[in-house]
C-alpha atoms as a PDB file:
ATOM      1  CA  MET A   1     -88.574  79.299  -1.209  1.00  0.00           C
ATOM      2  CA  ALA A   2     -87.252  78.018   2.101  1.00  0.00           C
ATOM      3  CA  THR A   3     -83.510  77.669   2.557  1.00  0.00           C
ATOM      4  CA  SER A   4     -81.917  74.302   3.243  1.00  0.00           C
ATOM      5  CA  ALA A   5     -81.379  75.321   6.868  1.00  0.00           C
ATOM      6  CA  GLU A   6     -85.072  76.189   7.208  1.00  0.00           C
ATOM      7  CA  GLN A   7     -86.047  72.885   5.605  1.00  0.00           C
ATOM      8  CA  ALA A   8     -83.785  71.038   8.045  1.00  0.00           C
ATOM      9  CA  SER A   9     -85.437  72.839  10.946  1.00  0.00           C
ATOM     10  CA  GLN A  10     -88.880  71.947   9.592  1.00  0.00           C
ATOM     11  CA  LEU A  11     -87.926  68.295   9.331  1.00  0.00           C
ATOM     12  CA  ALA A  12     -86.533  68.360  12.870  1.00  0.00           C
ATOM     13  CA  ASN A  13     -89.853  69.683  14.152  1.00  0.00           C
ATOM     14  CA  LEU A  14     -91.815  67.099  12.152  1.00  0.00           C
ATOM     15  CA  PHE A  15     -89.777  64.210  13.580  1.00  0.00           C
ATOM     16  CA  LEU A  16     -90.310  65.617  17.070  1.00  0.00           C
ATOM     17  CA  GLU A  17     -94.067  65.822  16.432  1.00  0.00           C
ATOM     18  CA  LEU A  18     -94.004  62.262  15.103  1.00  0.00           C
ATOM     19  CA  SER A  19     -92.366  61.082  18.338  1.00  0.00           C
ATOM     20  CA  GLU A  20     -95.096  62.852  20.312  1.00  0.00           C
ATOM     21  CA  SER A  21     -97.770  61.162  18.187  1.00  0.00           C
ATOM     22  CA  VAL A  22     -96.199  57.779  18.957  1.00  0.00           C
ATOM     23  CA  ASP A  23     -96.270  58.605  22.669  1.00  0.00           C
ATOM     24  CA  GLN A  24     -99.908  59.625  22.392  1.00  0.00           C
ATOM     25  CA  PHE A  25    -100.782  56.389  20.575  1.00  0.00           C
ATOM     26  CA  ARG A  26     -99.053  54.373  23.292  1.00  0.00           C
ATOM     27  CA  GLU A  27    -100.886  56.169  26.086  1.00  0.00           C
ATOM     28  CA  THR A  28    -104.283  55.983  24.361  1.00  0.00           C
ATOM     29  CA  ASN A  29    -104.006  52.263  23.561  1.00  0.00           C
ATOM     30  CA  ALA A  30    -101.978  51.106  26.566  1.00  0.00           C
ATOM     31  CA  ALA A  31    -104.733  48.802  27.811  1.00  0.00           C
ATOM     32  CA  SER A  32    -104.774  46.768  24.587  1.00  0.00           C
ATOM     33  CA  LEU A  33    -101.010  46.605  24.009  1.00  0.00           C
ATOM     34  CA  SER A  34     -98.598  43.985  25.289  1.00  0.00           C
ATOM     35  CA  ASP A  35     -95.616  44.909  27.456  1.00  0.00           C
ATOM     36  CA  ASP A  36     -93.263  44.257  24.529  1.00  0.00           C
ATOM     37  CA  GLU A  37     -95.295  46.552  22.266  1.00  0.00           C
ATOM     38  CA  LEU A  38     -95.332  49.281  24.883  1.00  0.00           C
ATOM     39  CA  ASP A  39     -91.579  49.043  25.381  1.00  0.00           C
ATOM     40  CA  SER A  40     -90.980  49.043  21.653  1.00  0.00           C
ATOM     41  CA  LEU A  41     -93.096  52.175  21.175  1.00  0.00           C
ATOM     42  CA  VAL A  42     -91.102  53.949  23.898  1.00  0.00           C
ATOM     43  CA  GLU A  43     -87.878  52.967  22.127  1.00  0.00           C
ATOM     44  CA  ARG A  44     -89.165  54.138  18.719  1.00  0.00           C
ATOM     45  CA  ALA A  45     -90.298  57.485  20.117  1.00  0.00           C
ATOM     46  CA  THR A  46     -86.863  57.978  21.700  1.00  0.00           C
ATOM     47  CA  GLN A  47     -85.165  57.247  18.373  1.00  0.00           C
ATOM     48  CA  LEU A  48     -87.358  59.811  16.624  1.00  0.00           C
ATOM     49  CA  ARG A  49     -86.453  62.470  19.206  1.00  0.00           C
ATOM     50  CA  GLU A  50     -82.768  61.729  18.709  1.00  0.00           C
ATOM     51  CA  ILE A  51     -83.191  62.094  14.948  1.00  0.00           C
ATOM     52  CA  SER A  52     -85.009  65.391  15.514  1.00  0.00           C
ATOM     53  CA  GLN A  53     -82.034  66.731  17.449  1.00  0.00           C
ATOM     54  CA  GLN A  54     -79.621  65.506  14.799  1.00  0.00           C
ATOM     55  CA  LEU A  55     -81.510  67.173  11.945  1.00  0.00           C
ATOM     56  CA  ASN A  56     -80.832  70.639  13.370  1.00  0.00           C
ATOM     57  CA  GLY A  57     -77.120  70.409  12.509  1.00  0.00           C
ATOM     58  CA  GLU A  58     -75.485  72.456   9.745  1.00  0.00           C
ATOM     59  CA  SER A  59     -74.393  69.292   7.949  1.00  0.00           C
ATOM     60  CA  ILE A  60     -78.048  68.386   7.389  1.00  0.00           C
ATOM     61  CA  ALA A  61     -78.603  71.566   5.368  1.00  0.00           C
ATOM     62  CA  ALA A  62     -75.675  70.551   3.155  1.00  0.00           C
ATOM     63  CA  THR A  63     -77.241  67.130   2.662  1.00  0.00           C
ATOM     64  CA  LEU A  64     -80.597  68.630   1.741  1.00  0.00           C
ATOM     65  CA  ASP A  65     -78.867  70.857  -0.821  1.00  0.00           C
ATOM     66  CA  GLN A  66     -77.934  67.684  -2.661  1.00  0.00           C
ATOM     67  CA  VAL A  67     -81.501  66.340  -2.715  1.00  0.00           C
ATOM     68  CA  GLN A  68     -83.455  69.550  -3.342  1.00  0.00           C
ATOM     69  CA  ASP A  69     -85.583  67.865  -6.010  1.00  0.00           C
ATOM     70  CA  ASN A  70     -86.924  65.480  -3.360  1.00  0.00           C
ATOM     71  CA  VAL A  71     -87.024  67.696  -0.273  1.00  0.00           C
ATOM     72  CA  ASN A  72     -90.724  68.527  -0.677  1.00  0.00           C
ATOM     73  CA  HIS A  73     -91.487  64.788  -0.954  1.00  0.00           C
ATOM     74  CA  ILE A  74     -89.437  64.110   2.172  1.00  0.00           C
ATOM     75  CA  ILE A  75     -91.219  66.816   4.153  1.00  0.00           C
ATOM     76  CA  ALA A  76     -94.621  65.674   2.887  1.00  0.00           C
ATOM     77  CA  ALA A  77     -93.877  62.050   3.782  1.00  0.00           C
ATOM     78  CA  THR A  78     -92.804  62.971   7.314  1.00  0.00           C
ATOM     79  CA  LYS A  79     -95.841  65.204   7.810  1.00  0.00           C
ATOM     80  CA  ASP A  80     -98.176  62.482   6.506  1.00  0.00           C
ATOM     81  CA  ALA A  81     -96.553  59.967   8.838  1.00  0.00           C
ATOM     82  CA  GLN A  82     -97.239  62.166  11.849  1.00  0.00           C
ATOM     83  CA  GLN A  83    -100.879  62.635  10.821  1.00  0.00           C
ATOM     84  CA  ALA A  84    -101.346  58.937  10.058  1.00  0.00           C
ATOM     85  CA  VAL A  85    -100.116  57.800  13.479  1.00  0.00           C
ATOM     86  CA  LYS A  86    -102.762  60.046  15.034  1.00  0.00           C
ATOM     87  CA  LYS A  87    -105.553  58.322  13.121  1.00  0.00           C
ATOM     88  CA  ILE A  88    -104.713  54.649  12.726  1.00  0.00           C
ATOM     89  CA  LYS A  89    -105.639  52.056  15.343  1.00  0.00           C
ATOM     90  CA  LYS A  90    -103.437  49.061  14.584  1.00  0.00           C
ATOM     91  CA  VAL A  91    -100.097  48.979  16.360  1.00  0.00           C
ATOM     92  CA  GLN A  92     -98.581  46.996  13.477  1.00  0.00           C
ATOM     93  CA  ASN A  93     -99.265  49.920  11.147  1.00  0.00           C
ATOM     94  CA  VAL A  94     -97.726  52.344  13.614  1.00  0.00           C
ATOM     95  CA  PHE A  95     -94.577  50.199  13.789  1.00  0.00           C
ATOM     96  CA  ALA A  96     -94.389  50.063   9.978  1.00  0.00           C
ATOM     97  CA  ILE A  97     -94.687  53.833   9.608  1.00  0.00           C
ATOM     98  CA  VAL A  98     -92.303  54.649  12.442  1.00  0.00           C
ATOM     99  CA  SER A  99     -89.747  52.124  11.206  1.00  0.00           C
ATOM    100  CA  ALA A 100     -89.805  53.661   7.723  1.00  0.00           C
ATOM    101  CA  ALA A 101     -89.605  57.189   9.169  1.00  0.00           C
ATOM    102  CA  THR A 102     -86.653  56.189  11.344  1.00  0.00           C
ATOM    103  CA  ASP A 103     -84.823  54.787   8.304  1.00  0.00           C
ATOM    104  CA  LEU A 104     -85.480  58.037   6.432  1.00  0.00           C
ATOM    105  CA  GLY A 105     -84.263  60.180   9.307  1.00  0.00           C
ATOM    106  CA  ALA A 106     -81.153  58.041   9.705  1.00  0.00           C
ATOM    107  CA  ALA A 107     -80.386  58.301   5.971  1.00  0.00           C
ATOM    108  CA  ILE A 108     -80.675  62.082   6.099  1.00  0.00           C
ATOM    109  CA  GLY A 109     -78.615  62.296   9.262  1.00  0.00           C
ATOM    110  CA  SER A 110     -75.814  60.162   7.852  1.00  0.00           C
ATOM    111  CA  GLY A 111     -75.827  61.931   4.490  1.00  0.00           C
ATOM    112  CA  LYS A 112     -76.574  58.752   2.515  1.00  0.00           C
ATOM    113  CA  ILE A 113     -77.981  60.447  -0.574  1.00  0.00           C
ATOM    114  CA  ALA A 114     -78.848  57.271  -2.468  1.00  0.00           C
ATOM    115  CA  LYS A 115     -80.786  55.859   0.481  1.00  0.00           C
ATOM    116  CA  ILE A 116     -82.794  59.043   1.144  1.00  0.00           C
ATOM    117  CA  GLY A 117     -84.903  58.601  -2.003  1.00  0.00           C
ATOM    118  CA  SER A 118     -85.688  54.946  -1.389  1.00  0.00           C
ATOM    119  CA  SER A 119     -86.426  55.612   2.299  1.00  0.00           C
ATOM    120  CA  SER A 120     -88.927  58.383   1.526  1.00  0.00           C
ATOM    121  CA  ALA A 121     -90.604  56.080  -0.999  1.00  0.00           C
ATOM    122  CA  ALA A 122     -90.806  53.328   1.625  1.00  0.00           C
ATOM    123  CA  LEU A 123     -92.378  55.758   4.094  1.00  0.00           C
ATOM    124  CA  PHE A 124     -95.053  56.747   1.577  1.00  0.00           C
ATOM    125  CA  GLN A 125     -95.737  53.064   0.950  1.00  0.00           C
ATOM    126  CA  ALA A 126     -96.117  52.365   4.665  1.00  0.00           C
ATOM    127  CA  ILE A 127     -98.541  55.262   5.061  1.00  0.00           C
ATOM    128  CA  ALA A 128    -100.573  54.206   2.016  1.00  0.00           C
ATOM    129  CA  ALA A 129    -100.800  50.641   3.307  1.00  0.00           C
ATOM    130  CA  ALA A 130    -101.983  51.858   6.705  1.00  0.00           C
ATOM    131  CA  VAL A 131    -104.564  54.483   5.756  1.00  0.00           C
ATOM    132  CA  GLY A 132    -105.147  54.104   2.007  1.00  0.00           C
ATOM    133  CA  GLY A 133    -104.736  56.812  -0.609  1.00  0.00           C
ATOM    134  CA  THR A 134    -101.919  57.633  -2.980  1.00  0.00           C
ATOM    135  CA  GLY A 135     -98.318  58.229  -2.011  1.00  0.00           C
ATOM    136  CA  THR A 136     -95.606  59.419  -4.387  1.00  0.00           C
ATOM    137  CA  ALA A 137     -91.880  59.879  -3.971  1.00  0.00           C
ATOM    138  CA  GLY A 138     -89.508  60.182  -6.901  1.00  0.00           C
ATOM    139  CA  SER A 139     -90.580  57.533  -9.403  1.00  0.00           C
ATOM    140  CA  THR A 140     -92.464  55.386  -6.869  1.00  0.00           C
ATOM    141  CA  THR A 141     -96.239  55.670  -6.536  1.00  0.00           C
ATOM    142  CA  GLU A 142     -98.678  53.759  -4.351  1.00  0.00           C
ATOM    143  CA  THR A 143    -102.350  54.081  -5.305  1.00  0.00           C
ATOM    144  CA  THR A 144    -105.748  53.114  -3.972  1.00  0.00           C
ATOM    145  CA  THR A 145    -109.158  53.627  -5.594  1.00  0.00           C
ATOM    146  CA  ILE A 146    -111.161  56.752  -4.793  1.00  0.00           C
ATOM    147  CA  SER A 147    -114.800  57.141  -5.863  1.00  0.00           C
ATOM    148  CA  LEU A 148    -115.855  60.417  -7.472  1.00  0.00           C
ATOM    149  CA  THR A 149    -119.492  61.384  -8.008  1.00  0.00           C
ATOM    150  CA  VAL A 150    -120.323  64.144 -10.487  1.00  0.00           C
ATOM    151  CA  THR A 151    -123.789  65.671 -10.371  1.00  0.00           C
ATOM    152  CA  ALA A 152    -124.994  67.054 -13.697  1.00  0.00           C
ATOM    153  CA  PRO A 153    -126.348  70.615 -13.648  1.00  0.00           C
ATOM    154  CA  VAL A 154    -130.051  71.253 -14.074  1.00  0.00           C
ATOM    155  CA  THR A 155    -130.716  71.807 -17.766  1.00  0.00           C
ATOM    156  CA  GLY A 156    -133.943  73.780 -17.351  1.00  0.00           C
ATOM    157  CA  GLY A 157    -136.158  75.076 -20.123  1.00  0.00           C
ATOM    158  CA  PHE A 158    -138.641  77.828 -20.903  1.00  0.00           C
ATOM    159  CA  THR A 159    -142.297  78.475 -21.684  1.00  0.00           C
ATOM    160  CA  ILE A 160    -143.805  80.914 -24.185  1.00  0.00           C
ATOM    161  CA  SER A 161    -147.117  82.748 -23.933  1.00  0.00           C
ATOM    162  CA  VAL A 162    -148.728  85.264 -26.341  1.00  0.00           C
ATOM    163  CA  SER A 163    -151.218  88.003 -25.503  1.00  0.00           C
ATOM    164  CA  PRO A 164    -153.594  88.334 -27.183  1.00  0.00           C
ATOM    165  CA  SER A 165    -153.618  84.771 -28.443  1.00  0.00           C
ATOM    166  CA  SER A 166    -155.688  85.707 -31.545  1.00  0.00           C
ATOM    167  CA  GLY A 167    -156.938  88.792 -33.354  1.00  0.00           C
ATOM    168  CA  TYR A 168    -158.397  90.220 -36.556  1.00  0.00           C
ATOM    169  CA  LEU A 169    -157.166  93.088 -38.668  1.00  0.00           C
ATOM    170  CA  LEU A 170    -158.543  94.880 -41.680  1.00  0.00           C
ATOM    171  CA  ASP A 171    -156.402  95.454 -44.724  1.00  0.00           C
ATOM    172  CA  GLY A 172    -153.877  98.189 -43.985  1.00  0.00           C
ATOM    173  CA  GLU A 173    -154.223  97.984 -40.201  1.00  0.00           C
ATOM    174  CA  SER A 174    -151.478  96.947 -37.809  1.00  0.00           C
ATOM    175  CA  GLY A 175    -151.565  95.439 -34.341  1.00  0.00           C
ATOM    176  CA  TYR A 176    -149.307  94.076 -31.601  1.00  0.00           C
ATOM    177  CA  ALA A 177    -148.961  90.854 -29.685  1.00  0.00           C
ATOM    178  CA  VAL A 178    -146.733  90.475 -26.644  1.00  0.00           C
ATOM    179  CA  VAL A 179    -144.733  87.256 -26.440  1.00  0.00           C
ATOM    180  CA  THR A 180    -143.529  86.398 -22.917  1.00  0.00           C
ATOM    181  CA  VAL A 181    -140.661  83.928 -22.459  1.00  0.00           C
ATOM    182  CA  THR A 182    -140.422  82.468 -18.921  1.00  0.00           C
ATOM    183  CA  ALA A 183    -137.316  80.524 -17.836  1.00  0.00           C
ATOM    184  CA  THR A 184    -137.747  77.330 -15.782  1.00  0.00           C
ATOM    185  CA  GLY A 185    -135.326  75.096 -13.925  1.00  0.00           C
ATOM    186  CA  GLY A 186    -132.443  77.567 -13.950  1.00  0.00           C
ATOM    187  CA  PHE A 187    -132.492  78.112 -17.713  1.00  0.00           C
ATOM    188  CA  ASP A 188    -130.504  81.230 -18.640  1.00  0.00           C
ATOM    189  CA  SER A 189    -129.619  80.904 -22.326  1.00  0.00           C
ATOM    190  CA  PRO A 190    -130.748  83.244 -25.129  1.00  0.00           C
ATOM    191  CA  VAL A 191    -134.022  82.352 -26.895  1.00  0.00           C
ATOM    192  CA  ALA A 192    -134.357  83.033 -30.643  1.00  0.00           C
ATOM    193  CA  LEU A 193    -137.890  83.957 -31.778  1.00  0.00           C
ATOM    194  CA  SER A 194    -139.385  84.094 -35.257  1.00  0.00           C
ATOM    195  CA  ALA A 195    -142.863  84.938 -36.592  1.00  0.00           C
ATOM    196  CA  SER A 196    -144.857  84.408 -39.782  1.00  0.00           C
ATOM    197  CA  ALA A 197    -148.328  85.288 -41.138  1.00  0.00           C
ATOM    198  CA  ASP A 198    -150.878  82.579 -41.896  1.00  0.00           C
ATOM    199  CA  ARG A 199    -152.084  83.581 -45.360  1.00  0.00           C
ATOM    200  CA  ALA A 200    -154.041  80.345 -45.905  1.00  0.00           C
ATOM    201  CA  SER A 201    -156.888  81.380 -43.601  1.00  0.00           C
ATOM    202  CA  HIS A 202    -156.990  84.998 -44.810  1.00  0.00           C
ATOM    203  CA  ARG A 203    -157.097  84.764 -48.582  1.00  0.00           C
ATOM    204  CA  SER A 204    -159.105  87.994 -48.865  1.00  0.00           C
ATOM    205  CA  LEU A 205    -156.315  89.999 -47.243  1.00  0.00           C
ATOM    206  CA  GLY A 206    -153.735  91.749 -49.304  1.00  0.00           C
ATOM    207  CA  ARG A 207    -150.044  91.833 -48.646  1.00  0.00           C
ATOM    208  CA  LEU A 208    -149.153  90.691 -45.113  1.00  0.00           C
ATOM    209  CA  SER A 209    -145.988  91.270 -43.112  1.00  0.00           C
ATOM    210  CA  CYS A 210    -144.826  90.098 -39.710  1.00  0.00           C
ATOM    211  CA  ARG A 211    -141.673  91.221 -37.927  1.00  0.00           C
ATOM    212  CA  LEU A 212    -140.040  91.131 -34.479  1.00  0.00           C
ATOM    213  CA  SER A 213    -139.214  94.328 -32.645  1.00  0.00           C
ATOM    214  CA  GLN A 214    -136.380  94.738 -30.090  1.00  0.00           C
ATOM    215  CA  PRO A 215    -136.912  92.944 -26.750  1.00  0.00           C
ATOM    216  CA  ARG A 216    -138.385  95.053 -23.989  1.00  0.00           C
ATOM    217  CA  GLN A 217    -138.566  94.141 -20.300  1.00  0.00           C
ATOM    218  CA  GLY A 218    -138.449  90.392 -20.929  1.00  0.00           C
ATOM    219  CA  HIS A 219    -141.155  90.544 -23.600  1.00  0.00           C
ATOM    220  CA  GLN A 220    -140.958  90.431 -27.407  1.00  0.00           C
ATOM    221  CA  ASP A 221    -143.435  92.665 -29.259  1.00  0.00           C
ATOM    222  CA  HIS A 222    -144.698  91.298 -32.575  1.00  0.00           C
ATOM    223  CA  PRO A 223    -146.260  93.885 -34.901  1.00  0.00           C
ATOM    224  CA  TYR A 224    -148.545  92.204 -37.425  1.00  0.00           C
END
């Protein structure tokens, strides 16, 4: 498990990456943004870089020690924010995510324990609103519907053939028939076989018996 100092360093890097994603968004969409929006994005990116520098301090590790139960949520929220800014197209969504991330970073930097939980929840909510999906932080969950398709497996089956298909025996004689079971459609379950003698059509015969021998090479031999 990472130490609090390592977690603080990870968060610092994530906030720096988030600032770079904001810069990239501004450069990519400069032609469609107003001057005020461009200036605001520059200001937000600068704030994120300042937070990144602040999160490397020893006091931050002490703060994270007090919120260890939520640190993974905080890291996940910040990472998701950075990825979301790379994908979304609407500047309003970028502002919402960056504003929530800035509040979270400021809460961590100032050691406001009570506000850290609510700020991480707000960041998850902003991300969910922008890109859809489910975001969770503490007891707060934002959900969207996801479709799941389950394809049923092929059930398959089997065919049975007998060779020879008919035969005649004298009283006291014995003979063999080979029963072949062939799987179809991916069928791979055991097949139980049984056999019986038709006495009705052979009333002149004496005592008849019919049994199954052990399987051999995918066939079932039937002495009769």
